[in-house]
Structures are given as C-alpha cells and as structure tokens.
C-alpha cells in the first residue's frame, strides 16, 4: 500500500526511489521477518545507484517459529536522477506483512541543494 508518493519518485512496482532533486534525503525501512527453519537470517541493505554501494545495513537472526524485526535508517546526499533501493537476502526466513503493514519504507527530502538555481551575478 502506498500512502503518499508525492512527485512519483518511488516506483511502487520495483521499489526503486529516484531523487527528483539534488539534496539530502532521509530513508527508513522496517520489516518483520519470520523464521521458517531452526536457524534463519535476513540481511537488508539500502543501496545507492548500484549493487556495490551500500549506505545502510540491517541484520536479523532468529530461531524457528519466532519473529524479529530488521530496521535501516540513514541520511544520504543524492544528485537528481540517482537511485536508492532496499535489497533483502533471506536464509530460511520470510518477510512478513499484512493489513497492519509491519513492513514499511519511507523517504523524504530534508535539505534541498538550490545552488544550481541561484543567479551567478547579483
């Protein structure tokens, strides 16, 4: 469920956020995971632009039939057109969500860089 996607910067089909403007952005991801085997783990990363640049990570280890949460919170500088996305790897675990929306992703612009729009001569 998407509550707000002002400007359409988040592609809700593939989960990729594309920065509409240059500036500092704050992102958070929270997920509830449920173990399906005796030992289980979930590794989640917030990535910037490609699979090689990790800007935040979260880890959850759990025993069978128990749940735990994984969270990522970070502020990152992005240029217009740069992307971020959450990538989770699972080992004997499921990312859980239902109508109470335990799994959430949020992002917003906290400090816009307007220097490119300022006049060069006063």
N, C-alpha and C. Protein backbone atom coordinates (compact mmCIF):
# COMPACT_ATOMS: atom_id res chain seq x y z
N UNK A 1 0.84 -1.17 0.00
CA UNK A 1 0.00 0.00 0.00
C UNK A 1 0.89 1.24 0.00
N UNK A 2 0.63 2.16 -0.88
CA UNK A 2 1.35 3.42 -0.91
C UNK A 2 0.42 4.50 -0.36
N UNK A 3 0.86 5.13 0.74
CA UNK A 3 0.04 6.18 1.34
C UNK A 3 0.29 7.50 0.62
N UNK A 4 1.54 7.83 0.38
CA UNK A 4 1.89 9.06 -0.32
C UNK A 4 3.11 8.81 -1.19
N UNK A 5 3.05 9.30 -2.39
CA UNK A 5 4.18 9.21 -3.31
C UNK A 5 4.22 10.51 -4.10
N UNK A 6 4.37 11.60 -3.37
CA UNK A 6 4.36 12.93 -3.97
C UNK A 6 5.46 13.05 -5.02
N UNK A 7 5.08 13.40 -6.21
CA UNK A 7 6.03 13.56 -7.30
C UNK A 7 6.37 12.27 -8.02
N UNK A 8 5.89 11.13 -7.48
CA UNK A 8 6.13 9.85 -8.14
C UNK A 8 7.57 9.39 -8.12
N UNK A 9 8.37 9.82 -7.14
CA UNK A 9 9.78 9.44 -7.09
C UNK A 9 10.00 7.97 -6.77
N UNK A 10 9.02 7.33 -6.11
CA UNK A 10 9.12 5.91 -5.79
C UNK A 10 8.37 5.10 -6.84
N UNK A 11 9.07 4.19 -7.49
CA UNK A 11 8.44 3.27 -8.42
C UNK A 11 7.86 2.13 -7.57
N UNK A 12 6.55 2.09 -7.40
CA UNK A 12 5.96 1.11 -6.50
C UNK A 12 5.95 -0.30 -7.09
N UNK A 13 6.27 -0.43 -8.36
CA UNK A 13 6.37 -1.75 -8.98
C UNK A 13 7.68 -2.44 -8.63
N UNK A 14 8.80 -1.70 -8.69
CA UNK A 14 10.10 -2.32 -8.42
C UNK A 14 10.78 -1.82 -7.15
N UNK A 15 10.18 -0.83 -6.45
CA UNK A 15 10.73 -0.35 -5.18
C UNK A 15 11.91 0.59 -5.30
N UNK A 16 12.19 1.09 -6.49
CA UNK A 16 13.32 2.00 -6.69
C UNK A 16 12.87 3.45 -6.50
N UNK A 17 13.61 4.19 -5.66
CA UNK A 17 13.37 5.62 -5.46
C UNK A 17 14.38 6.38 -6.30
N UNK A 18 13.90 7.31 -7.14
CA UNK A 18 14.76 8.15 -7.96
C UNK A 18 14.66 9.58 -7.44
N UNK A 19 15.79 10.15 -7.05
CA UNK A 19 15.80 11.50 -6.49
C UNK A 19 15.34 12.51 -7.55
N UNK A 20 14.28 13.26 -7.27
CA UNK A 20 13.82 14.25 -8.23
C UNK A 20 14.69 15.51 -8.24
N UNK A 21 15.36 15.78 -7.12
CA UNK A 21 16.21 16.97 -6.98
C UNK A 21 17.47 16.64 -6.19
N UNK A 22 18.49 17.45 -6.37
CA UNK A 22 19.72 17.30 -5.61
C UNK A 22 19.46 17.75 -4.17
N UNK A 23 19.95 16.94 -3.22
CA UNK A 23 19.80 17.31 -1.82
C UNK A 23 20.08 16.15 -0.89
N UNK A 24 19.80 16.35 0.39
CA UNK A 24 19.95 15.31 1.40
C UNK A 24 18.58 14.67 1.65
N UNK A 25 18.55 13.36 1.63
CA UNK A 25 17.33 12.59 1.82
C UNK A 25 17.46 11.71 3.05
N UNK A 26 16.36 11.52 3.72
CA UNK A 26 16.30 10.61 4.86
C UNK A 26 15.46 9.40 4.44
N UNK A 27 15.98 8.19 4.69
CA UNK A 27 15.27 6.96 4.36
C UNK A 27 15.17 6.07 5.58
N UNK A 28 14.06 5.36 5.67
CA UNK A 28 13.91 4.34 6.70
C UNK A 28 13.20 3.13 6.11
N UNK A 29 13.59 1.97 6.59
CA UNK A 29 12.96 0.71 6.22
C UNK A 29 12.81 -0.11 7.49
N UNK A 30 11.64 -0.68 7.67
CA UNK A 30 11.39 -1.56 8.81
C UNK A 30 10.64 -2.77 8.30
N UNK A 31 11.13 -3.94 8.65
CA UNK A 31 10.46 -5.16 8.24
C UNK A 31 10.39 -6.17 9.36
N UNK A 32 9.33 -6.92 9.41
CA UNK A 32 9.19 -8.02 10.36
C UNK A 32 9.46 -9.30 9.59
N UNK A 33 10.33 -10.13 10.14
CA UNK A 33 10.68 -11.39 9.49
C UNK A 33 10.32 -12.55 10.40
N UNK A 34 9.96 -13.65 9.78
CA UNK A 34 9.54 -14.86 10.50
C UNK A 34 10.41 -16.03 10.04
N UNK A 35 11.01 -16.75 11.00
CA UNK A 35 11.89 -17.87 10.68
C UNK A 35 11.09 -19.09 10.25
N UNK A 36 11.58 -19.79 9.22
CA UNK A 36 10.92 -21.00 8.73
C UNK A 36 11.77 -22.24 8.95
N UNK A 37 12.90 -22.12 9.62
CA UNK A 37 13.77 -23.25 9.91
C UNK A 37 14.42 -23.02 11.28
N UNK A 38 15.17 -24.01 11.75
CA UNK A 38 15.78 -23.90 13.08
C UNK A 38 16.68 -22.68 13.22
N UNK A 39 17.42 -22.37 12.18
CA UNK A 39 18.27 -21.17 12.20
C UNK A 39 17.96 -20.36 10.96
N UNK A 40 17.78 -19.07 11.12
CA UNK A 40 17.39 -18.24 9.98
C UNK A 40 18.05 -16.86 10.11
N UNK A 41 18.17 -16.18 8.98
CA UNK A 41 18.77 -14.85 8.97
C UNK A 41 18.20 -14.02 7.83
N UNK A 42 18.12 -12.72 8.05
CA UNK A 42 17.75 -11.77 7.00
C UNK A 42 18.78 -10.65 7.01
N UNK A 43 19.28 -10.30 5.84
CA UNK A 43 20.24 -9.22 5.67
C UNK A 43 19.61 -8.21 4.72
N UNK A 44 19.40 -7.00 5.19
CA UNK A 44 18.81 -5.96 4.35
C UNK A 44 19.79 -4.81 4.19
N UNK A 45 19.85 -4.29 2.99
CA UNK A 45 20.76 -3.18 2.68
C UNK A 45 20.00 -2.10 1.93
N UNK A 46 20.28 -0.86 2.23
CA UNK A 46 19.83 0.26 1.42
C UNK A 46 20.99 0.58 0.49
N UNK A 47 20.74 0.48 -0.80
CA UNK A 47 21.81 0.66 -1.79
C UNK A 47 21.60 1.95 -2.56
N UNK A 48 22.72 2.50 -3.02
CA UNK A 48 22.70 3.74 -3.80
C UNK A 48 23.27 3.46 -5.19
N UNK A 49 22.45 3.68 -6.21
CA UNK A 49 22.83 3.62 -7.63
C UNK A 49 23.14 2.24 -8.20
N UNK A 50 23.72 1.35 -7.43
CA UNK A 50 24.07 0.03 -7.97
C UNK A 50 24.13 -0.98 -6.83
N UNK A 51 24.47 -2.20 -7.17
CA UNK A 51 24.52 -3.27 -6.17
C UNK A 51 25.78 -3.18 -5.31
N UNK A 52 26.75 -2.36 -5.68
CA UNK A 52 28.02 -2.30 -4.96
C UNK A 52 28.09 -1.24 -3.87
N UNK A 53 27.16 -0.28 -3.86
CA UNK A 53 27.23 0.81 -2.90
C UNK A 53 26.15 0.65 -1.83
N UNK A 54 26.56 0.22 -0.64
CA UNK A 54 25.66 0.04 0.50
C UNK A 54 25.77 1.26 1.39
N UNK A 55 24.62 1.90 1.70
CA UNK A 55 24.66 3.09 2.56
C UNK A 55 24.04 2.82 3.94
N UNK A 56 23.39 1.68 4.11
CA UNK A 56 22.87 1.27 5.42
C UNK A 56 22.59 -0.22 5.38
N UNK A 57 22.76 -0.88 6.53
CA UNK A 57 22.53 -2.32 6.59
C UNK A 57 21.80 -2.69 7.87
N UNK A 58 21.05 -3.78 7.79
CA UNK A 58 20.37 -4.32 8.96
C UNK A 58 20.42 -5.84 8.91
N UNK A 59 20.42 -6.47 10.08
CA UNK A 59 20.56 -7.91 10.18
C UNK A 59 19.62 -8.43 11.25
N UNK A 60 19.06 -9.61 11.00
CA UNK A 60 18.19 -10.26 11.97
C UNK A 60 18.47 -11.75 11.94
N UNK A 61 18.81 -12.33 13.10
CA UNK A 61 18.95 -13.79 13.26
C UNK A 61 17.81 -14.25 14.14
N UNK A 62 17.26 -15.43 13.84
CA UNK A 62 16.13 -15.89 14.64
C UNK A 62 16.01 -17.40 14.60
N UNK A 63 15.31 -17.95 15.60
CA UNK A 63 15.01 -19.37 15.65
C UNK A 63 13.63 -19.65 15.07
N UNK A 64 13.39 -20.90 14.72
CA UNK A 64 12.15 -21.31 14.05
C UNK A 64 10.90 -20.89 14.83
N UNK A 65 9.89 -20.47 14.06
CA UNK A 65 8.57 -20.07 14.58
C UNK A 65 8.60 -18.79 15.43
N UNK A 66 9.65 -18.02 15.34
CA UNK A 66 9.73 -16.74 16.04
C UNK A 66 9.91 -15.63 15.01
N UNK A 67 9.58 -14.43 15.42
CA UNK A 67 9.71 -13.27 14.52
C UNK A 67 10.67 -12.25 15.13
N UNK A 68 11.29 -11.47 14.28
CA UNK A 68 12.12 -10.36 14.73
C UNK A 68 12.02 -9.25 13.69
N UNK A 69 12.57 -8.11 13.99
CA UNK A 69 12.48 -7.00 13.05
C UNK A 69 13.87 -6.60 12.58
N UNK A 70 13.90 -6.06 11.38
CA UNK A 70 15.13 -5.51 10.82
C UNK A 70 14.82 -4.07 10.42
N UNK A 71 15.72 -3.15 10.76
CA UNK A 71 15.48 -1.72 10.52
C UNK A 71 16.70 -1.06 9.91
N UNK A 72 16.45 -0.11 9.03
CA UNK A 72 17.50 0.72 8.43
C UNK A 72 17.05 2.17 8.52
N UNK A 73 17.94 3.04 8.93
CA UNK A 73 17.67 4.47 8.98
C UNK A 73 18.93 5.19 8.55
N UNK A 74 18.82 6.12 7.62
CA UNK A 74 20.01 6.84 7.19
C UNK A 74 19.64 8.13 6.47
N UNK A 75 20.60 9.01 6.41
CA UNK A 75 20.51 10.25 5.62
C UNK A 75 21.62 10.15 4.57
N UNK A 76 21.27 10.49 3.32
CA UNK A 76 22.25 10.37 2.23
C UNK A 76 22.07 11.53 1.26
N UNK A 77 23.17 12.01 0.72
CA UNK A 77 23.14 13.05 -0.30
C UNK A 77 22.97 12.39 -1.66
N UNK A 78 22.01 12.89 -2.43
CA UNK A 78 21.75 12.37 -3.77
C UNK A 78 21.71 13.51 -4.78
N UNK A 79 22.19 13.25 -5.97
CA UNK A 79 22.01 14.16 -7.09
C UNK A 79 20.70 13.80 -7.78
N UNK A 80 20.13 14.74 -8.49
CA UNK A 80 18.91 14.46 -9.25
C UNK A 80 19.16 13.27 -10.17
N UNK A 81 18.25 12.30 -10.16
CA UNK A 81 18.38 11.13 -11.02
C UNK A 81 19.06 9.94 -10.38
N UNK A 82 19.74 10.13 -9.24
CA UNK A 82 20.36 8.99 -8.57
C UNK A 82 19.27 8.16 -7.90
N UNK A 83 19.55 6.87 -7.71
CA UNK A 83 18.53 5.97 -7.18
C UNK A 83 18.97 5.33 -5.87
N UNK A 84 17.99 4.91 -5.08
CA UNK A 84 18.21 4.09 -3.89
C UNK A 84 17.15 2.99 -3.90
N UNK A 85 17.48 1.87 -3.27
CA UNK A 85 16.53 0.77 -3.15
C UNK A 85 16.96 -0.13 -2.00
N UNK A 86 16.01 -0.86 -1.46
CA UNK A 86 16.27 -1.82 -0.39
C UNK A 86 16.42 -3.20 -1.02
N UNK A 87 17.46 -3.91 -0.59
CA UNK A 87 17.73 -5.26 -1.06
C UNK A 87 17.82 -6.16 0.17
N UNK A 88 16.98 -7.18 0.24
CA UNK A 88 17.00 -8.12 1.37
C UNK A 88 17.33 -9.52 0.88
N UNK A 89 18.26 -10.15 1.55
CA UNK A 89 18.62 -11.55 1.29
C UNK A 89 18.10 -12.37 2.46
N UNK A 90 17.51 -13.50 2.15
CA UNK A 90 16.89 -14.32 3.17
C UNK A 90 17.50 -15.70 3.19
N UNK A 91 17.62 -16.24 4.38
CA UNK A 91 18.02 -17.63 4.55
C UNK A 91 17.05 -18.25 5.54
N UNK A 92 16.13 -19.07 5.04
CA UNK A 92 15.11 -19.73 5.87
C UNK A 92 14.23 -18.73 6.62
N UNK A 93 13.86 -17.69 5.94
CA UNK A 93 13.08 -16.63 6.60
C UNK A 93 12.13 -15.99 5.59
N UNK A 94 11.04 -15.43 6.06
CA UNK A 94 10.08 -14.75 5.20
C UNK A 94 9.88 -13.32 5.71
N UNK A 95 9.80 -12.37 4.79
CA UNK A 95 9.44 -11.01 5.14
C UNK A 95 7.93 -10.98 5.30
N UNK A 96 7.47 -10.49 6.42
CA UNK A 96 6.06 -10.60 6.77
C UNK A 96 5.35 -9.25 6.66
N UNK A 97 4.15 -9.28 6.12
CA UNK A 97 3.30 -8.09 6.09
C UNK A 97 1.85 -8.53 6.02
N UNK A 98 0.97 -7.71 6.54
CA UNK A 98 -0.46 -7.96 6.45
C UNK A 98 -1.17 -6.60 6.47
N UNK A 99 -2.43 -6.57 6.81
CA UNK A 99 -3.18 -5.31 6.77
C UNK A 99 -2.72 -4.29 7.80
N UNK A 100 -1.90 -4.70 8.77
CA UNK A 100 -1.36 -3.74 9.74
C UNK A 100 -0.04 -3.14 9.27
N UNK A 101 0.48 -3.60 8.14
CA UNK A 101 1.66 -3.04 7.47
C UNK A 101 2.90 -2.98 8.37
N UNK A 102 3.34 -4.16 8.78
CA UNK A 102 4.56 -4.26 9.58
C UNK A 102 5.80 -3.87 8.79
N UNK A 103 5.75 -4.04 7.48
CA UNK A 103 6.89 -3.71 6.62
C UNK A 103 6.64 -2.36 5.97
N UNK A 104 7.60 -1.44 6.14
CA UNK A 104 7.42 -0.07 5.66
C UNK A 104 8.71 0.48 5.09
N UNK A 105 8.58 1.33 4.08
CA UNK A 105 9.70 2.08 3.52
C UNK A 105 9.26 3.54 3.43
N UNK A 106 10.10 4.43 3.93
CA UNK A 106 9.80 5.87 3.88
C UNK A 106 11.03 6.63 3.43
N UNK A 107 10.80 7.72 2.75
CA UNK A 107 11.90 8.59 2.35
C UNK A 107 11.39 9.99 2.08
N UNK A 108 12.21 10.98 2.41
CA UNK A 108 11.83 12.35 2.13
C UNK A 108 13.05 13.24 2.02
N UNK A 109 12.87 14.31 1.29
CA UNK A 109 13.92 15.32 1.10
C UNK A 109 13.98 16.18 2.35
N UNK A 110 15.15 16.24 2.99
CA UNK A 110 15.28 17.04 4.21
C UNK A 110 16.05 18.34 3.99
N UNK A 111 16.85 18.41 2.94
CA UNK A 111 17.64 19.61 2.69
C UNK A 111 17.94 19.69 1.19
N UNK A 112 17.23 20.56 0.49
CA UNK A 112 17.41 20.68 -0.95
C UNK A 112 18.59 21.59 -1.28
N UNK A 113 19.41 21.18 -2.25
CA UNK A 113 20.51 21.98 -2.74
C UNK A 113 19.98 22.84 -3.88
N UNK A 114 19.86 24.14 -3.63
CA UNK A 114 19.32 25.04 -4.65
C UNK A 114 20.41 25.87 -5.34
N UNK A 115 21.67 25.54 -5.08
CA UNK A 115 22.78 26.35 -5.61
C UNK A 115 22.77 26.46 -7.13
N UNK A 116 22.33 25.42 -7.82
CA UNK A 116 22.33 25.47 -9.28
C UNK A 116 21.25 26.40 -9.83
N UNK A 117 20.30 26.78 -9.01
CA UNK A 117 19.22 27.66 -9.46
C UNK A 117 19.43 29.13 -9.08
N UNK A 118 20.50 29.40 -8.35
CA UNK A 118 20.77 30.78 -7.95
C UNK A 118 21.47 31.54 -9.08
N UNK A 119 21.19 32.83 -9.19
CA UNK A 119 21.88 33.62 -10.24
C UNK A 119 23.38 33.70 -9.94
N UNK A 120 24.18 33.70 -11.01
CA UNK A 120 25.64 33.78 -10.81
C UNK A 120 26.10 35.21 -10.59
N UNK A 121 25.32 36.19 -11.05
CA UNK A 121 25.66 37.59 -10.83
C UNK A 121 24.52 38.28 -10.12
N UNK A 122 24.84 39.08 -9.17
CA UNK A 122 23.81 39.86 -8.45
C UNK A 122 23.75 41.28 -8.92
